[in-house]
Amino acid sequence: MNIDPVILGSDFLFTGIVEEIGKITYIEKNCNGMKINICANIISNQLNIGDSVAVNGICLTIVDIKSKIFAVDIMNETIKNSAAKFFCVGSLVNLERAVSASGRFNGHIVTGHIDGVGVVAEKGRDGISISYKIEVLPKILKYIVKKGSVCVDGISLTVVSVDEKSFTVSIIPHTLSQTTAGLFEKNLVVNIEADIVAKHVEKLLNAGSTQKNSSKLTKKSLINAGFFG
C-alpha cells in the first residue's frame, strides 16, 4: 500500500532538528495573546495554512502565508509559560516543520509543548564545542538525566551532566552555526521541553500506587524487567 507523504500535526511530533533560523518581522499584541510574522527563506515554500511549525520549540499553527513570511497566533497561556514573552521584532528563532510520515526521524521525540523555561547560567568551551549550564525549576529537572535528551529552544541536545538545580549541554560547531545556540549568552531565557519518555514512566509508576485496579507497576518491577541498570 502506498502512503502519501503527510505532515504530522500539532498533536504529533517534531524531532528537535532545526531546519532554519527565521526572523520575526512583526508582532501584534492583544488581550487574547499575540500574532507574529516570521520570515523563512528555506521552508516557506513548503508551508501551508493550518500546518504545524515549531518556533523555538513551541508548536504553533500557521494562520497566514505571504511570500516568504508566515503568521502564527500565540495564546496567553503559551506566552505565560514560555520564552515567547521575550519575542520582539528582529528576534531570530529556530524553525522546524512537523515530522513527515515518509521522512527520516533524527533527534528525539519532541511534542512542541513547552514544560517551562530555563536560564543560561554559565557558558564555557569544551574542546571544539561550547557548553551551557542551564538552570531550571525542580519540576522540570526531575525529568532530565545524564546522557538523556532535552529540547532547548527547539534544539534536540544530549545532557552532559546534571546537578541539584541545573543541567549542562555541549554543542558542536555545526549545531551552533545552524541554530540560535551560537547566540546563547548568560542570563538568556530559553524554552525547555523534557523527554516525554520520562514523563510516561513517572505516570506509570504513580499509577501503580494510586489506582485500585493498577497493574502493580513499581520501580522494583521495572528494575526486575531490566529498565534500570
C-alpha atoms as a PDB file:
ATOM      1  CA  MET A   1       0.000   0.000   0.000  1.00  0.00           C
ATOM      2  CA  ASN A   2       1.359   3.387  -0.970  1.00  0.00           C
ATOM      3  CA  ILE A   3       1.349   6.066   1.714  1.00  0.00           C
ATOM      4  CA  ASP A   4       1.269   9.670   0.580  1.00  0.00           C
ATOM      5  CA  PRO A   5       3.726  11.959   2.365  1.00  0.00           C
ATOM      6  CA  VAL A   6       1.872  13.842   5.078  1.00  0.00           C
ATOM      7  CA  ILE A   7       2.891  16.189   7.823  1.00  0.00           C
ATOM      8  CA  LEU A   8       2.016  15.023  11.314  1.00  0.00           C
ATOM      9  CA  GLY A   9       0.090  17.762  13.102  1.00  0.00           C
ATOM     10  CA  SER A  10       0.346  19.589  16.426  1.00  0.00           C
ATOM     11  CA  ASP A  11      -0.760  16.569  18.449  1.00  0.00           C
ATOM     12  CA  PHE A  12       2.049  14.510  16.955  1.00  0.00           C
ATOM     13  CA  LEU A  13       5.709  15.350  16.985  1.00  0.00           C
ATOM     14  CA  PHE A  14       8.858  17.122  15.972  1.00  0.00           C
ATOM     15  CA  THR A  15      12.446  15.919  16.277  1.00  0.00           C
ATOM     16  CA  GLY A  16      14.407  18.899  17.556  1.00  0.00           C
ATOM     17  CA  ILE A  17      16.424  19.057  14.334  1.00  0.00           C
ATOM     18  CA  VAL A  18      16.187  22.706  13.316  1.00  0.00           C
ATOM     19  CA  GLU A  19      15.582  23.305   9.611  1.00  0.00           C
ATOM     20  CA  GLU A  20      16.137  27.048   9.500  1.00  0.00           C
ATOM     21  CA  ILE A  21      16.725  30.162  11.552  1.00  0.00           C
ATOM     22  CA  GLY A  22      13.818  32.520  10.922  1.00  0.00           C
ATOM     23  CA  LYS A  23      13.390  36.184  11.804  1.00  0.00           C
ATOM     24  CA  ILE A  24      10.384  37.817  13.474  1.00  0.00           C
ATOM     25  CA  THR A  25       9.265  40.744  11.313  1.00  0.00           C
ATOM     26  CA  TYR A  26       6.040  41.827  13.021  1.00  0.00           C
ATOM     27  CA  ILE A  27       4.289  41.442  16.387  1.00  0.00           C
ATOM     28  CA  GLU A  28       0.711  42.375  17.241  1.00  0.00           C
ATOM     29  CA  LYS A  29      -0.315  42.020  20.893  1.00  0.00           C
ATOM     30  CA  ASN A  30      -3.896  41.975  22.145  1.00  0.00           C
ATOM     31  CA  CYS A  31      -5.962  40.655  25.063  1.00  0.00           C
ATOM     32  CA  ASN A  32      -6.070  37.180  23.512  1.00  0.00           C
ATOM     33  CA  GLY A  33      -2.316  36.825  23.072  1.00  0.00           C
ATOM     34  CA  MET A  34      -0.274  37.898  20.093  1.00  0.00           C
ATOM     35  CA  LYS A  35       0.225  37.325  16.388  1.00  0.00           C
ATOM     36  CA  ILE A  36       3.733  37.223  14.964  1.00  0.00           C
ATOM     37  CA  ASN A  37       5.057  37.191  11.414  1.00  0.00           C
ATOM     38  CA  ILE A  38       8.196  35.198  10.686  1.00  0.00           C
ATOM     39  CA  CYS A  39      10.392  35.373   7.607  1.00  0.00           C
ATOM     40  CA  ALA A  40      11.603  31.935   6.495  1.00  0.00           C
ATOM     41  CA  ASN A  41      13.769  31.792   3.379  1.00  0.00           C
ATOM     42  CA  ILE A  42      14.171  27.998   3.197  1.00  0.00           C
ATOM     43  CA  ILE A  43      10.975  26.296   4.386  1.00  0.00           C
ATOM     44  CA  SER A  44       8.398  28.939   3.442  1.00  0.00           C
ATOM     45  CA  ASN A  45       7.579  27.342   0.069  1.00  0.00           C
ATOM     46  CA  GLN A  46       6.833  24.048   1.849  1.00  0.00           C
ATOM     47  CA  LEU A  47       4.346  25.532   4.316  1.00  0.00           C
ATOM     48  CA  ASN A  48       0.564  25.737   4.131  1.00  0.00           C
ATOM     49  CA  ILE A  49      -2.088  27.436   6.236  1.00  0.00           C
ATOM     50  CA  GLY A  50      -3.019  25.044   9.036  1.00  0.00           C
ATOM     51  CA  ASP A  51       0.400  23.391   9.182  1.00  0.00           C
ATOM     52  CA  SER A  52       2.203  22.991  12.493  1.00  0.00           C
ATOM     53  CA  VAL A  53       5.627  24.535  12.924  1.00  0.00           C
ATOM     54  CA  ALA A  54       7.895  24.636  15.964  1.00  0.00           C
ATOM     55  CA  VAL A  55       9.120  28.153  16.732  1.00  0.00           C
ATOM     56  CA  ASN A  56      11.909  27.949  19.312  1.00  0.00           C
ATOM     57  CA  GLY A  57      10.361  24.641  20.293  1.00  0.00           C
ATOM     58  CA  ILE A  58       6.775  25.920  20.622  1.00  0.00           C
ATOM     59  CA  CYS A  59       4.259  24.116  18.430  1.00  0.00           C
ATOM     60  CA  LEU A  60       2.231  26.765  16.590  1.00  0.00           C
ATOM     61  CA  THR A  61      -0.298  26.726  13.747  1.00  0.00           C
ATOM     62  CA  ILE A  62       0.222  28.761  10.595  1.00  0.00           C
ATOM     63  CA  VAL A  63      -2.716  31.118  10.032  1.00  0.00           C
ATOM     64  CA  ASP A  64      -1.456  33.087   7.030  1.00  0.00           C
ATOM     65  CA  ILE A  65       1.323  32.972   4.417  1.00  0.00           C
ATOM     66  CA  LYS A  66       2.524  35.702   2.099  1.00  0.00           C
ATOM     67  CA  SER A  67       5.626  35.014   0.018  1.00  0.00           C
ATOM     68  CA  LYS A  68       8.404  34.087   2.475  1.00  0.00           C
ATOM     69  CA  ILE A  69       6.539  35.299   5.566  1.00  0.00           C
ATOM     70  CA  PHE A  70       4.123  33.203   7.613  1.00  0.00           C
ATOM     71  CA  ALA A  71       1.958  34.233  10.564  1.00  0.00           C
ATOM     72  CA  VAL A  72       1.122  32.351  13.772  1.00  0.00           C
ATOM     73  CA  ASP A  73      -1.056  33.138  16.777  1.00  0.00           C
ATOM     74  CA  ILE A  74       0.277  32.588  20.308  1.00  0.00           C
ATOM     75  CA  MET A  75      -2.260  32.317  23.118  1.00  0.00           C
ATOM     76  CA  ASN A  76      -1.772  33.858  26.558  1.00  0.00           C
ATOM     77  CA  GLU A  77      -1.160  30.502  28.292  1.00  0.00           C
ATOM     78  CA  THR A  78       1.749  29.789  25.948  1.00  0.00           C
ATOM     79  CA  ILE A  79       3.168  33.269  26.430  1.00  0.00           C
ATOM     80  CA  LYS A  80       2.941  32.879  30.202  1.00  0.00           C
ATOM     81  CA  ASN A  81       4.764  29.538  30.287  1.00  0.00           C
ATOM     82  CA  SER A  82       7.429  30.073  27.636  1.00  0.00           C
ATOM     83  CA  ALA A  83      10.093  32.494  26.483  1.00  0.00           C
ATOM     84  CA  ALA A  84       7.680  33.782  23.822  1.00  0.00           C
ATOM     85  CA  LYS A  85       7.039  36.716  26.153  1.00  0.00           C
ATOM     86  CA  PHE A  86      10.507  37.988  25.182  1.00  0.00           C
ATOM     87  CA  PHE A  87       9.908  37.856  21.418  1.00  0.00           C
ATOM     88  CA  CYS A  88      10.464  41.164  19.642  1.00  0.00           C
ATOM     89  CA  VAL A  89      10.787  42.367  16.065  1.00  0.00           C
ATOM     90  CA  GLY A  90      14.168  41.215  14.823  1.00  0.00           C
ATOM     91  CA  SER A  91      14.370  38.166  17.103  1.00  0.00           C
ATOM     92  CA  LEU A  92      15.931  35.102  15.462  1.00  0.00           C
ATOM     93  CA  VAL A  93      14.046  31.851  16.051  1.00  0.00           C
ATOM     94  CA  ASN A  94      14.625  28.163  15.358  1.00  0.00           C
ATOM     95  CA  LEU A  95      12.108  26.659  12.931  1.00  0.00           C
ATOM     96  CA  GLU A  96      11.098  23.050  12.331  1.00  0.00           C
ATOM     97  CA  ARG A  97       8.137  21.648  10.463  1.00  0.00           C
ATOM     98  CA  ALA A  98       6.201  18.745  11.984  1.00  0.00           C
ATOM     99  CA  VAL A  99       7.600  15.329  11.121  1.00  0.00           C
ATOM    100  CA  SER A 100       6.747  13.873   7.735  1.00  0.00           C
ATOM    101  CA  ALA A 101       5.389  10.324   7.913  1.00  0.00           C
ATOM    102  CA  SER A 102       7.626   9.454   4.946  1.00  0.00           C
ATOM    103  CA  GLY A 103      10.765  11.125   6.314  1.00  0.00           C
ATOM    104  CA  ARG A 104      13.652  10.020   8.490  1.00  0.00           C
ATOM    105  CA  PHE A 105      13.437  10.526  12.236  1.00  0.00           C
ATOM    106  CA  ASN A 106      16.519  12.238  13.672  1.00  0.00           C
ATOM    107  CA  GLY A 107      16.881  13.940  17.057  1.00  0.00           C
ATOM    108  CA  HIS A 108      14.377  12.662  19.635  1.00  0.00           C
ATOM    109  CA  ILE A 109      10.627  12.760  20.258  1.00  0.00           C
ATOM    110  CA  VAL A 110       9.574  16.390  20.731  1.00  0.00           C
ATOM    111  CA  THR A 111       5.921  17.387  21.141  1.00  0.00           C
ATOM    112  CA  GLY A 112       6.263  21.162  20.909  1.00  0.00           C
ATOM    113  CA  HIS A 113       4.530  21.559  24.265  1.00  0.00           C
ATOM    114  CA  ILE A 114       6.966  23.523  26.440  1.00  0.00           C
ATOM    115  CA  ASP A 115       7.412  22.396  30.065  1.00  0.00           C
ATOM    116  CA  GLY A 116       8.728  25.798  31.130  1.00  0.00           C
ATOM    117  CA  VAL A 117      11.758  27.994  30.768  1.00  0.00           C
ATOM    118  CA  GLY A 118      15.386  27.779  31.792  1.00  0.00           C
ATOM    119  CA  VAL A 119      18.062  30.415  32.270  1.00  0.00           C
ATOM    120  CA  VAL A 120      21.583  30.130  30.856  1.00  0.00           C
ATOM    121  CA  ALA A 121      23.757  30.300  33.993  1.00  0.00           C
ATOM    122  CA  GLU A 122      27.179  29.618  32.502  1.00  0.00           C
ATOM    123  CA  LYS A 123      28.843  29.492  29.100  1.00  0.00           C
ATOM    124  CA  GLY A 124      32.165  27.765  28.510  1.00  0.00           C
ATOM    125  CA  ARG A 125      34.302  25.952  25.957  1.00  0.00           C
ATOM    126  CA  ASP A 126      34.517  22.174  25.830  1.00  0.00           C
ATOM    127  CA  GLY A 127      37.126  21.324  23.186  1.00  0.00           C
ATOM    128  CA  ILE A 128      35.638  22.270  19.824  1.00  0.00           C
ATOM    129  CA  SER A 129      32.210  22.670  21.404  1.00  0.00           C
ATOM    130  CA  ILE A 130      30.506  25.299  23.525  1.00  0.00           C
ATOM    131  CA  SER A 131      28.937  24.189  26.801  1.00  0.00           C
ATOM    132  CA  TYR A 132      25.978  25.805  28.515  1.00  0.00           C
ATOM    133  CA  LYS A 133      24.764  25.266  32.058  1.00  0.00           C
ATOM    134  CA  ILE A 134      21.032  25.913  32.201  1.00  0.00           C
ATOM    135  CA  GLU A 135      19.112  26.379  35.446  1.00  0.00           C
ATOM    136  CA  VAL A 136      15.538  25.075  35.583  1.00  0.00           C
ATOM    137  CA  LEU A 137      12.845  24.532  38.195  1.00  0.00           C
ATOM    138  CA  PRO A 138      12.744  21.182  40.061  1.00  0.00           C
ATOM    139  CA  LYS A 139       9.511  20.221  38.277  1.00  0.00           C
ATOM    140  CA  ILE A 140      11.492  20.111  35.006  1.00  0.00           C
ATOM    141  CA  LEU A 141      14.865  18.976  36.319  1.00  0.00           C
ATOM    142  CA  LYS A 142      13.402  15.732  37.677  1.00  0.00           C
ATOM    143  CA  TYR A 143      12.899  14.540  34.090  1.00  0.00           C
ATOM    144  CA  ILE A 144      16.441  15.352  32.935  1.00  0.00           C
ATOM    145  CA  VAL A 145      19.168  12.724  33.210  1.00  0.00           C
ATOM    146  CA  LYS A 146      22.817  12.500  32.185  1.00  0.00           C
ATOM    147  CA  LYS A 147      23.162  11.251  28.585  1.00  0.00           C
ATOM    148  CA  GLY A 148      19.435  11.750  28.112  1.00  0.00           C
ATOM    149  CA  SER A 149      17.746  14.077  25.628  1.00  0.00           C
ATOM    150  CA  VAL A 150      16.375  17.563  26.184  1.00  0.00           C
ATOM    151  CA  CYS A 151      14.943  20.170  23.823  1.00  0.00           C
ATOM    152  CA  VAL A 152      16.278  23.725  24.331  1.00  0.00           C
ATOM    153  CA  ASP A 153      14.639  26.428  22.185  1.00  0.00           C
ATOM    154  CA  GLY A 154      13.599  23.695  19.777  1.00  0.00           C
ATOM    155  CA  ILE A 155      17.066  22.103  19.536  1.00  0.00           C
ATOM    156  CA  SER A 156      17.498  18.417  20.369  1.00  0.00           C
ATOM    157  CA  LEU A 157      20.512  18.141  22.681  1.00  0.00           C
ATOM    158  CA  THR A 158      22.216  15.485  24.803  1.00  0.00           C
ATOM    159  CA  VAL A 159      22.636  16.194  28.508  1.00  0.00           C
ATOM    160  CA  VAL A 160      26.277  16.127  29.642  1.00  0.00           C
ATOM    161  CA  SER A 161      25.670  16.441  33.379  1.00  0.00           C
ATOM    162  CA  VAL A 162      23.013  17.274  35.960  1.00  0.00           C
ATOM    163  CA  ASP A 163      23.289  18.831  39.422  1.00  0.00           C
ATOM    164  CA  GLU A 164      20.753  19.882  42.057  1.00  0.00           C
ATOM    165  CA  LYS A 165      19.435  22.870  40.106  1.00  0.00           C
ATOM    166  CA  SER A 166      20.743  22.756  36.543  1.00  0.00           C
ATOM    167  CA  PHE A 167      21.877  20.638  33.610  1.00  0.00           C
ATOM    168  CA  THR A 168      24.713  21.123  31.125  1.00  0.00           C
ATOM    169  CA  VAL A 169      24.771  20.567  27.370  1.00  0.00           C
ATOM    170  CA  SER A 170      27.732  20.677  25.000  1.00  0.00           C
ATOM    171  CA  ILE A 171      27.001  21.848  21.452  1.00  0.00           C
ATOM    172  CA  ILE A 172      29.120  21.052  18.397  1.00  0.00           C
ATOM    173  CA  PRO A 173      30.108  23.736  15.840  1.00  0.00           C
ATOM    174  CA  HIS A 174      27.628  22.515  13.203  1.00  0.00           C
ATOM    175  CA  THR A 175      24.661  22.915  15.549  1.00  0.00           C
ATOM    176  CA  LEU A 176      25.980  26.264  16.737  1.00  0.00           C
ATOM    177  CA  SER A 177      26.065  27.526  13.155  1.00  0.00           C
ATOM    178  CA  GLN A 178      22.688  26.109  12.084  1.00  0.00           C
ATOM    179  CA  THR A 179      20.647  27.201  15.105  1.00  0.00           C
ATOM    180  CA  THR A 180      20.403  30.123  17.506  1.00  0.00           C
ATOM    181  CA  ALA A 181      22.516  28.173  20.026  1.00  0.00           C
ATOM    182  CA  GLY A 182      25.542  30.070  18.785  1.00  0.00           C
ATOM    183  CA  LEU A 183      23.918  33.249  20.092  1.00  0.00           C
ATOM    184  CA  PHE A 184      23.162  31.983  23.615  1.00  0.00           C
ATOM    185  CA  GLU A 185      24.619  34.145  26.378  1.00  0.00           C
ATOM    186  CA  LYS A 186      24.472  34.175  30.164  1.00  0.00           C
ATOM    187  CA  ASN A 187      21.026  35.074  31.590  1.00  0.00           C
ATOM    188  CA  LEU A 188      19.220  34.259  28.345  1.00  0.00           C
ATOM    189  CA  VAL A 189      15.784  32.699  28.953  1.00  0.00           C
ATOM    190  CA  VAL A 190      15.173  29.592  26.834  1.00  0.00           C
ATOM    191  CA  ASN A 191      12.289  27.189  26.252  1.00  0.00           C
ATOM    192  CA  ILE A 192      12.688  23.724  27.748  1.00  0.00           C
ATOM    193  CA  GLU A 193      10.885  20.522  26.837  1.00  0.00           C
ATOM    194  CA  ALA A 194      11.980  17.428  28.760  1.00  0.00           C
ATOM    195  CA  ASP A 195      11.985  13.950  27.261  1.00  0.00           C
ATOM    196  CA  ILE A 196       8.393  12.696  27.086  1.00  0.00           C
ATOM    197  CA  VAL A 197       9.509   9.120  27.840  1.00  0.00           C
ATOM    198  CA  ALA A 198      10.469  10.163  31.390  1.00  0.00           C
ATOM    199  CA  LYS A 199       7.002  11.662  31.907  1.00  0.00           C
ATOM    200  CA  HIS A 200       5.285   8.456  30.838  1.00  0.00           C
ATOM    201  CA  VAL A 201       7.480   6.364  33.141  1.00  0.00           C
ATOM    202  CA  GLU A 202       6.621   8.699  36.051  1.00  0.00           C
ATOM    203  CA  LYS A 203       2.895   8.405  35.353  1.00  0.00           C
ATOM    204  CA  LEU A 204       3.077   4.614  35.200  1.00  0.00           C
ATOM    205  CA  LEU A 205       4.977   4.499  38.492  1.00  0.00           C
ATOM    206  CA  ASN A 206       2.451   6.798  40.171  1.00  0.00           C
ATOM    207  CA  ALA A 207      -0.474   4.869  38.755  1.00  0.00           C
ATOM    208  CA  GLY A 208       0.789   1.734  40.447  1.00  0.00           C
ATOM    209  CA  SER A 209       0.416   3.341  43.866  1.00  0.00           C
ATOM    210  CA  THR A 210      -2.734   5.429  43.392  1.00  0.00           C
ATOM    211  CA  GLN A 211      -5.159   3.301  41.404  1.00  0.00           C
ATOM    212  CA  LYS A 212      -7.138   0.462  42.982  1.00  0.00           C
ATOM    213  CA  ASN A 213      -7.041  -1.647  39.850  1.00  0.00           C
ATOM    214  CA  SER A 214      -3.448  -0.848  38.958  1.00  0.00           C
ATOM    215  CA  SER A 215      -1.028  -3.099  37.161  1.00  0.00           C
ATOM    216  CA  LYS A 216       1.236  -3.018  40.234  1.00  0.00           C
ATOM    217  CA  LEU A 217       3.968  -1.334  38.192  1.00  0.00           C
ATOM    218  CA  THR A 218       6.678  -0.165  40.588  1.00  0.00           C
ATOM    219  CA  LYS A 219      10.293   0.890  40.400  1.00  0.00           C
ATOM    220  CA  LYS A 220      11.242  -2.569  41.698  1.00  0.00           C
ATOM    221  CA  SER A 221       9.263  -4.269  38.941  1.00  0.00           C
ATOM    222  CA  LEU A 222      10.887  -2.033  36.324  1.00  0.00           C
ATOM    223  CA  ILE A 223      14.340  -2.879  37.681  1.00  0.00           C
ATOM    224  CA  ASN A 224      13.482  -6.574  37.561  1.00  0.00           C
ATOM    225  CA  ALA A 225      12.365  -6.125  33.963  1.00  0.00           C
ATOM    226  CA  GLY A 226      15.697  -4.567  33.058  1.00  0.00           C
ATOM    227  CA  PHE A 227      14.629  -0.930  32.588  1.00  0.00           C
ATOM    228  CA  PHE A 228      17.234   0.304  35.082  1.00  0.00           C
ATOM    229  CA  GLY A 229      20.881  -0.677  35.323  1.00  0.00           C
END
